[in-house]
């Protein structure tokens, strides 16, 4: 099984930069690797880390097909 974690991008100018850095370091120490998947949600930039495999942008986009959106409610 693959596991993914979405993290706020580690941006040096962010107010919580030290938290972001420590959070990312935790996941990297525990076997997660960076992917090329990035996205913006509610004005915040995120990156996807993955464990036990890889993930593509297309796979990540398809991941959301498993959840209802506002139009389905």
PDB file of N, CA and C in Angstrom:
ATOM      1  N   UNK A   1       0.831  -1.187   0.000  1.00  0.00           N
ATOM      2  CA  UNK A   1       0.000   0.000   0.000  1.00  0.00           C
ATOM      3  C   UNK A   1       0.870   1.243   0.000  1.00  0.00           C
ATOM      4  N   UNK A   2       0.453   2.204  -0.771  1.00  0.00           N
ATOM      5  CA  UNK A   2       1.115   3.506  -0.751  1.00  0.00           C
ATOM      6  C   UNK A   2       0.418   4.392   0.278  1.00  0.00           C
ATOM      7  N   UNK A   3       1.194   5.226   0.884  1.00  0.00           N
ATOM      8  CA  UNK A   3       0.654   6.227   1.792  1.00  0.00           C
ATOM      9  C   UNK A   3       1.122   7.580   1.294  1.00  0.00           C
ATOM     10  N   UNK A   4       0.221   8.555   1.307  1.00  0.00           N
ATOM     11  CA  UNK A   4       0.609   9.899   0.907  1.00  0.00           C
ATOM     12  C   UNK A   4       0.354  10.862   2.051  1.00  0.00           C
ATOM     13  N   UNK A   5       1.158  11.886   2.077  1.00  0.00           N
ATOM     14  CA  UNK A   5       0.981  12.961   3.049  1.00  0.00           C
ATOM     15  C   UNK A   5       1.053  14.268   2.287  1.00  0.00           C
ATOM     16  N   UNK A   6       0.083  15.125   2.493  1.00  0.00           N
ATOM     17  CA  UNK A   6       0.184  16.447   1.874  1.00  0.00           C
ATOM     18  C   UNK A   6       0.611  17.439   2.941  1.00  0.00           C
ATOM     19  N   UNK A   7       1.645  18.166   2.607  1.00  0.00           N
ATOM     20  CA  UNK A   7       2.259  19.106   3.549  1.00  0.00           C
ATOM     21  C   UNK A   7       2.305  20.493   2.942  1.00  0.00           C
ATOM     22  N   UNK A   8       2.153  21.488   3.792  1.00  0.00           N
ATOM     23  CA  UNK A   8       2.386  22.850   3.337  1.00  0.00           C
ATOM     24  C   UNK A   8       3.823  22.912   2.840  1.00  0.00           C
ATOM     25  N   UNK A   9       4.022  23.587   1.718  1.00  0.00           N
ATOM     26  CA  UNK A   9       5.370  23.717   1.185  1.00  0.00           C
ATOM     27  C   UNK A   9       6.274  24.403   2.199  1.00  0.00           C
ATOM     28  N   UNK A  10       7.493  23.960   2.282  1.00  0.00           N
ATOM     29  CA  UNK A  10       8.495  24.511   3.198  1.00  0.00           C
ATOM     30  C   UNK A  10       9.044  25.801   2.587  1.00  0.00           C
ATOM     31  N   UNK A  11       8.368  26.903   2.871  1.00  0.00           N
ATOM     32  CA  UNK A  11       8.728  28.209   2.311  1.00  0.00           C
ATOM     33  C   UNK A  11       9.418  29.036   3.389  1.00  0.00           C
ATOM     34  N   UNK A  12      10.646  29.485   3.134  1.00  0.00           N
ATOM     35  CA  UNK A  12      11.408  30.215   4.161  1.00  0.00           C
ATOM     36  C   UNK A  12      10.713  31.463   4.712  1.00  0.00           C
ATOM     37  N   UNK A  13       9.822  32.077   3.936  1.00  0.00           N
ATOM     38  CA  UNK A  13       9.178  33.309   4.398  1.00  0.00           C
ATOM     39  C   UNK A  13       7.846  33.057   5.111  1.00  0.00           C
ATOM     40  N   UNK A  14       7.419  31.804   5.234  1.00  0.00           N
ATOM     41  CA  UNK A  14       6.148  31.496   5.898  1.00  0.00           C
ATOM     42  C   UNK A  14       6.251  31.782   7.393  1.00  0.00           C
ATOM     43  N   UNK A  15       5.133  32.205   7.983  1.00  0.00           N
ATOM     44  CA  UNK A  15       5.111  32.503   9.417  1.00  0.00           C
ATOM     45  C   UNK A  15       5.474  31.278  10.255  1.00  0.00           C
ATOM     46  N   UNK A  16       5.050  30.095   9.807  1.00  0.00           N
ATOM     47  CA  UNK A  16       5.328  28.869  10.549  1.00  0.00           C
ATOM     48  C   UNK A  16       6.413  28.032   9.857  1.00  0.00           C
ATOM     49  N   UNK A  17       7.398  28.708   9.312  1.00  0.00           N
ATOM     50  CA  UNK A  17       8.457  28.043   8.553  1.00  0.00           C
ATOM     51  C   UNK A  17       9.144  26.946   9.345  1.00  0.00           C
ATOM     52  N   UNK A  18       9.426  27.185  10.622  1.00  0.00           N
ATOM     53  CA  UNK A  18      10.128  26.165  11.407  1.00  0.00           C
ATOM     54  C   UNK A  18       9.260  24.920  11.585  1.00  0.00           C
ATOM     55  N   UNK A  19       7.956  25.099  11.791  1.00  0.00           N
ATOM     56  CA  UNK A  19       7.048  23.953  11.895  1.00  0.00           C
ATOM     57  C   UNK A  19       7.008  23.170  10.590  1.00  0.00           C
ATOM     58  N   UNK A  20       6.938  23.871   9.483  1.00  0.00           N
ATOM     59  CA  UNK A  20       6.898  23.211   8.169  1.00  0.00           C
ATOM     60  C   UNK A  20       8.166  22.398   7.934  1.00  0.00           C
ATOM     61  N   UNK A  21       9.280  22.993   8.288  1.00  0.00           N
ATOM     62  CA  UNK A  21      10.569  22.319   8.095  1.00  0.00           C
ATOM     63  C   UNK A  21      10.650  21.051   8.957  1.00  0.00           C
ATOM     64  N   UNK A  22      10.265  21.169  10.215  1.00  0.00           N
ATOM     65  CA  UNK A  22      10.303  20.017  11.118  1.00  0.00           C
ATOM     66  C   UNK A  22       9.327  18.926  10.682  1.00  0.00           C
ATOM     67  N   UNK A  23       8.149  19.327  10.231  1.00  0.00           N
ATOM     68  CA  UNK A  23       7.146  18.363   9.778  1.00  0.00           C
ATOM     69  C   UNK A  23       7.667  17.582   8.571  1.00  0.00           C
ATOM     70  N   UNK A  24       8.243  18.292   7.610  1.00  0.00           N
ATOM     71  CA  UNK A  24       8.771  17.640   6.409  1.00  0.00           C
ATOM     72  C   UNK A  24       9.925  16.713   6.779  1.00  0.00           C
ATOM     73  N   UNK A  25      10.807  17.161   7.657  1.00  0.00           N
ATOM     74  CA  UNK A  25      11.940  16.342   8.093  1.00  0.00           C
ATOM     75  C   UNK A  25      11.450  15.061   8.770  1.00  0.00           C
ATOM     76  N   UNK A  26      10.395  15.147   9.553  1.00  0.00           N
ATOM     77  CA  UNK A  26       9.814  13.969  10.208  1.00  0.00           C
ATOM     78  C   UNK A  26       9.405  12.926   9.176  1.00  0.00           C
ATOM     79  N   UNK A  27       8.653  13.358   8.178  1.00  0.00           N
ATOM     80  CA  UNK A  27       8.198  12.407   7.156  1.00  0.00           C
ATOM     81  C   UNK A  27       9.370  11.821   6.372  1.00  0.00           C
ATOM     82  N   UNK A  28      10.343  12.637   6.043  1.00  0.00           N
ATOM     83  CA  UNK A  28      11.506  12.129   5.303  1.00  0.00           C
ATOM     84  C   UNK A  28      12.284  11.106   6.133  1.00  0.00           C
ATOM     85  N   UNK A  29      12.440  11.371   7.421  1.00  0.00           N
ATOM     86  CA  UNK A  29      13.120  10.415   8.311  1.00  0.00           C
ATOM     87  C   UNK A  29      12.369   9.095   8.410  1.00  0.00           C
ATOM     88  N   UNK A  30      11.070   9.137   8.188  1.00  0.00           N
ATOM     89  CA  UNK A  30      10.235   7.953   8.357  1.00  0.00           C
ATOM     90  C   UNK A  30       9.847   7.301   7.030  1.00  0.00           C
ATOM     91  N   UNK A  31      10.687   7.471   6.034  1.00  0.00           N
ATOM     92  CA  UNK A  31      10.552   6.718   4.800  1.00  0.00           C
ATOM     93  C   UNK A  31       9.752   7.345   3.681  1.00  0.00           C
ATOM     94  N   UNK A  32       9.239   8.530   3.877  1.00  0.00           N
ATOM     95  CA  UNK A  32       8.510   9.202   2.801  1.00  0.00           C
ATOM     96  C   UNK A  32       9.499   9.879   1.863  1.00  0.00           C
ATOM     97  N   UNK A  33       9.128   9.984   0.608  1.00  0.00           N
ATOM     98  CA  UNK A  33       9.966  10.665  -0.375  1.00  0.00           C
ATOM     99  C   UNK A  33       9.139  11.735  -1.080  1.00  0.00           C
ATOM    100  N   UNK A  34       9.790  12.798  -1.506  1.00  0.00           N
ATOM    101  CA  UNK A  34       9.059  13.851  -2.229  1.00  0.00           C
ATOM    102  C   UNK A  34       8.562  13.331  -3.573  1.00  0.00           C
ATOM    103  N   UNK A  35       7.438  13.843  -3.988  1.00  0.00           N
ATOM    104  CA  UNK A  35       6.935  13.566  -5.331  1.00  0.00           C
ATOM    105  C   UNK A  35       6.951  14.886  -6.101  1.00  0.00           C
ATOM    106  N   UNK A  36       6.568  14.826  -7.353  1.00  0.00           N
ATOM    107  CA  UNK A  36       6.490  16.050  -8.146  1.00  0.00           C
ATOM    108  C   UNK A  36       5.126  16.712  -8.028  1.00  0.00           C
ATOM    109  N   UNK A  37       4.235  16.119  -7.244  1.00  0.00           N
ATOM    110  CA  UNK A  37       2.872  16.636  -7.129  1.00  0.00           C
ATOM    111  C   UNK A  37       2.857  17.849  -6.200  1.00  0.00           C
ATOM    112  N   UNK A  38       2.344  18.940  -6.734  1.00  0.00           N
ATOM    113  CA  UNK A  38       2.155  20.179  -5.982  1.00  0.00           C
ATOM    114  C   UNK A  38       0.757  20.680  -6.308  1.00  0.00           C
ATOM    115  N   UNK A  39       0.134  21.364  -5.360  1.00  0.00           N
ATOM    116  CA  UNK A  39      -1.158  21.970  -5.649  1.00  0.00           C
ATOM    117  C   UNK A  39      -1.390  23.133  -4.690  1.00  0.00           C
ATOM    118  N   UNK A  40      -2.361  23.931  -5.025  1.00  0.00           N
ATOM    119  CA  UNK A  40      -2.743  25.079  -4.198  1.00  0.00           C
ATOM    120  C   UNK A  40      -4.175  24.852  -3.747  1.00  0.00           C
ATOM    121  N   UNK A  41      -4.409  24.988  -2.450  1.00  0.00           N
ATOM    122  CA  UNK A  41      -5.754  24.873  -1.892  1.00  0.00           C
ATOM    123  C   UNK A  41      -5.956  26.011  -0.914  1.00  0.00           C
ATOM    124  N   UNK A  42      -7.018  26.752  -1.102  1.00  0.00           N
ATOM    125  CA  UNK A  42      -7.359  27.905  -0.275  1.00  0.00           C
ATOM    126  C   UNK A  42      -6.169  28.853  -0.121  1.00  0.00           C
ATOM    127  N   UNK A  43      -5.461  29.061  -1.222  1.00  0.00           N
ATOM    128  CA  UNK A  43      -4.353  30.014  -1.255  1.00  0.00           C
ATOM    129  C   UNK A  43      -3.047  29.506  -0.679  1.00  0.00           C
ATOM    130  N   UNK A  44      -3.012  28.280  -0.210  1.00  0.00           N
ATOM    131  CA  UNK A  44      -1.798  27.696   0.380  1.00  0.00           C
ATOM    132  C   UNK A  44      -1.202  26.663  -0.582  1.00  0.00           C
ATOM    133  N   UNK A  45       0.129  26.650  -0.680  1.00  0.00           N
ATOM    134  CA  UNK A  45       0.815  25.700  -1.544  1.00  0.00           C
ATOM    135  C   UNK A  45       1.154  24.427  -0.770  1.00  0.00           C
ATOM    136  N   UNK A  46       0.883  23.283  -1.401  1.00  0.00           N
ATOM    137  CA  UNK A  46       1.124  21.984  -0.784  1.00  0.00           C
ATOM    138  C   UNK A  46       1.992  21.118  -1.686  1.00  0.00           C
ATOM    139  N   UNK A  47       2.689  20.176  -1.068  1.00  0.00           N
ATOM    140  CA  UNK A  47       3.425  19.157  -1.802  1.00  0.00           C
ATOM    141  C   UNK A  47       3.001  17.798  -1.273  1.00  0.00           C
ATOM    142  N   UNK A  48       3.144  16.773  -2.097  1.00  0.00           N
ATOM    143  CA  UNK A  48       2.792  15.422  -1.708  1.00  0.00           C
ATOM    144  C   UNK A  48       4.069  14.630  -1.473  1.00  0.00           C
ATOM    145  N   UNK A  49       4.151  13.994  -0.297  1.00  0.00           N
ATOM    146  CA  UNK A  49       5.209  13.034  -0.009  1.00  0.00           C
ATOM    147  C   UNK A  49       4.553  11.660  -0.064  1.00  0.00           C
ATOM    148  N   UNK A  50       5.322  10.643  -0.454  1.00  0.00           N
ATOM    149  CA  UNK A  50       4.752   9.309  -0.623  1.00  0.00           C
ATOM    150  C   UNK A  50       5.652   8.265   0.012  1.00  0.00           C
ATOM    151  N   UNK A  51       5.028   7.234   0.561  1.00  0.00           N
ATOM    152  CA  UNK A  51       5.741   6.107   1.144  1.00  0.00           C
ATOM    153  C   UNK A  51       5.318   4.847   0.406  1.00  0.00           C
ATOM    154  N   UNK A  52       6.270   3.954   0.163  1.00  0.00           N
ATOM    155  CA  UNK A  52       5.999   2.661  -0.486  1.00  0.00           C
ATOM    156  C   UNK A  52       5.544   2.809  -1.929  1.00  0.00           C
ATOM    157  N   UNK A  53       6.171   3.700  -2.652  1.00  0.00           N
ATOM    158  CA  UNK A  53       5.853   3.833  -4.071  1.00  0.00           C
ATOM    159  C   UNK A  53       6.045   5.249  -4.564  1.00  0.00           C
ATOM    160  N   UNK A  54       5.381   5.529  -5.662  1.00  0.00           N
ATOM    161  CA  UNK A  54       5.417   6.855  -6.265  1.00  0.00           C
ATOM    162  C   UNK A  54       3.981   7.275  -6.554  1.00  0.00           C
ATOM    163  N   UNK A  55       3.813   8.525  -6.926  1.00  0.00           N
ATOM    164  CA  UNK A  55       2.502   9.028  -7.318  1.00  0.00           C
ATOM    165  C   UNK A  55       2.696  10.076  -8.398  1.00  0.00           C
ATOM    166  N   UNK A  56       1.819  10.053  -9.383  1.00  0.00           N
ATOM    167  CA  UNK A  56       1.859  11.039 -10.459  1.00  0.00           C
ATOM    168  C   UNK A  56       0.766  12.070 -10.240  1.00  0.00           C
ATOM    169  N   UNK A  57       0.867  13.166 -10.961  1.00  0.00           N
ATOM    170  CA  UNK A  57      -0.180  14.190 -10.893  1.00  0.00           C
ATOM    171  C   UNK A  57      -1.532  13.604 -11.267  1.00  0.00           C
ATOM    172  N   UNK A  58      -1.565  12.766 -12.303  1.00  0.00           N
ATOM    173  CA  UNK A  58      -2.815  12.156 -12.746  1.00  0.00           C
ATOM    174  C   UNK A  58      -3.405  11.256 -11.660  1.00  0.00           C
ATOM    175  N   UNK A  59      -2.574  10.450 -11.025  1.00  0.00           N
ATOM    176  CA  UNK A  59      -3.065   9.590  -9.941  1.00  0.00           C
ATOM    177  C   UNK A  59      -3.634  10.424  -8.799  1.00  0.00           C
ATOM    178  N   UNK A  60      -2.956  11.515  -8.468  1.00  0.00           N
ATOM    179  CA  UNK A  60      -3.444  12.361  -7.385  1.00  0.00           C
ATOM    180  C   UNK A  60      -4.777  13.006  -7.756  1.00  0.00           C
ATOM    181  N   UNK A  61      -4.902  13.478  -8.986  1.00  0.00           N
ATOM    182  CA  UNK A  61      -6.164  14.055  -9.434  1.00  0.00           C
ATOM    183  C   UNK A  61      -7.277  13.011  -9.384  1.00  0.00           C
ATOM    184  N   UNK A  62      -6.974  11.784  -9.805  1.00  0.00           N
ATOM    185  CA  UNK A  62      -7.978  10.710  -9.790  1.00  0.00           C
ATOM    186  C   UNK A  62      -8.354  10.300  -8.369  1.00  0.00           C
ATOM    187  N   UNK A  63      -7.451  10.476  -7.421  1.00  0.00           N
ATOM    188  CA  UNK A  63      -7.711  10.176  -6.012  1.00  0.00           C
ATOM    189  C   UNK A  63      -8.974  10.884  -5.548  1.00  0.00           C
ATOM    190  N   UNK A  64      -9.156  12.124  -5.979  1.00  0.00           N
ATOM    191  CA  UNK A  64     -10.288  12.929  -5.525  1.00  0.00           C
ATOM    192  C   UNK A  64     -11.607  12.450  -6.106  1.00  0.00           C
ATOM    193  N   UNK A  65     -11.575  11.620  -7.133  1.00  0.00           N
ATOM    194  CA  UNK A  65     -12.806  11.066  -7.704  1.00  0.00           C
ATOM    195  C   UNK A  65     -13.523  10.149  -6.722  1.00  0.00           C
ATOM    196  N   UNK A  66     -12.857   9.702  -5.686  1.00  0.00           N
ATOM    197  CA  UNK A  66     -13.443   8.791  -4.706  1.00  0.00           C
ATOM    198  C   UNK A  66     -14.217   9.521  -3.607  1.00  0.00           C
ATOM    199  N   UNK A  67     -14.241  10.842  -3.670  1.00  0.00           N
ATOM    200  CA  UNK A  67     -14.924  11.637  -2.653  1.00  0.00           C
ATOM    201  C   UNK A  67     -16.022  12.457  -3.318  1.00  0.00           C
ATOM    202  N   UNK A  68     -17.165  12.582  -2.662  1.00  0.00           N
ATOM    203  CA  UNK A  68     -18.230  13.410  -3.253  1.00  0.00           C
ATOM    204  C   UNK A  68     -17.822  14.881  -3.242  1.00  0.00           C
ATOM    205  N   UNK A  69     -18.235  15.585  -4.267  1.00  0.00           N
ATOM    206  CA  UNK A  69     -17.997  17.021  -4.273  1.00  0.00           C
ATOM    207  C   UNK A  69     -19.323  17.726  -4.020  1.00  0.00           C
ATOM    208  N   UNK A  70     -19.321  19.027  -3.995  1.00  0.00           N
ATOM    209  CA  UNK A  70     -20.535  19.798  -3.675  1.00  0.00           C
ATOM    210  C   UNK A  70     -21.667  19.506  -4.647  1.00  0.00           C
ATOM    211  N   UNK A  71     -21.337  19.190  -5.908  1.00  0.00           N
ATOM    212  CA  UNK A  71     -22.364  18.924  -6.899  1.00  0.00           C
ATOM    213  C   UNK A  71     -23.069  17.589  -6.632  1.00  0.00           C
ATOM    214  N   UNK A  72     -22.391  16.653  -5.922  1.00  0.00           N
ATOM    215  CA  UNK A  72     -22.964  15.351  -5.641  1.00  0.00           C
ATOM    216  C   UNK A  72     -23.876  15.344  -4.413  1.00  0.00           C
ATOM    217  N   UNK A  73     -23.920  16.411  -3.681  1.00  0.00           N
ATOM    218  CA  UNK A  73     -24.696  16.451  -2.428  1.00  0.00           C
ATOM    219  C   UNK A  73     -26.097  16.910  -2.658  1.00  0.00           C
TER     220      UNK A  73
END
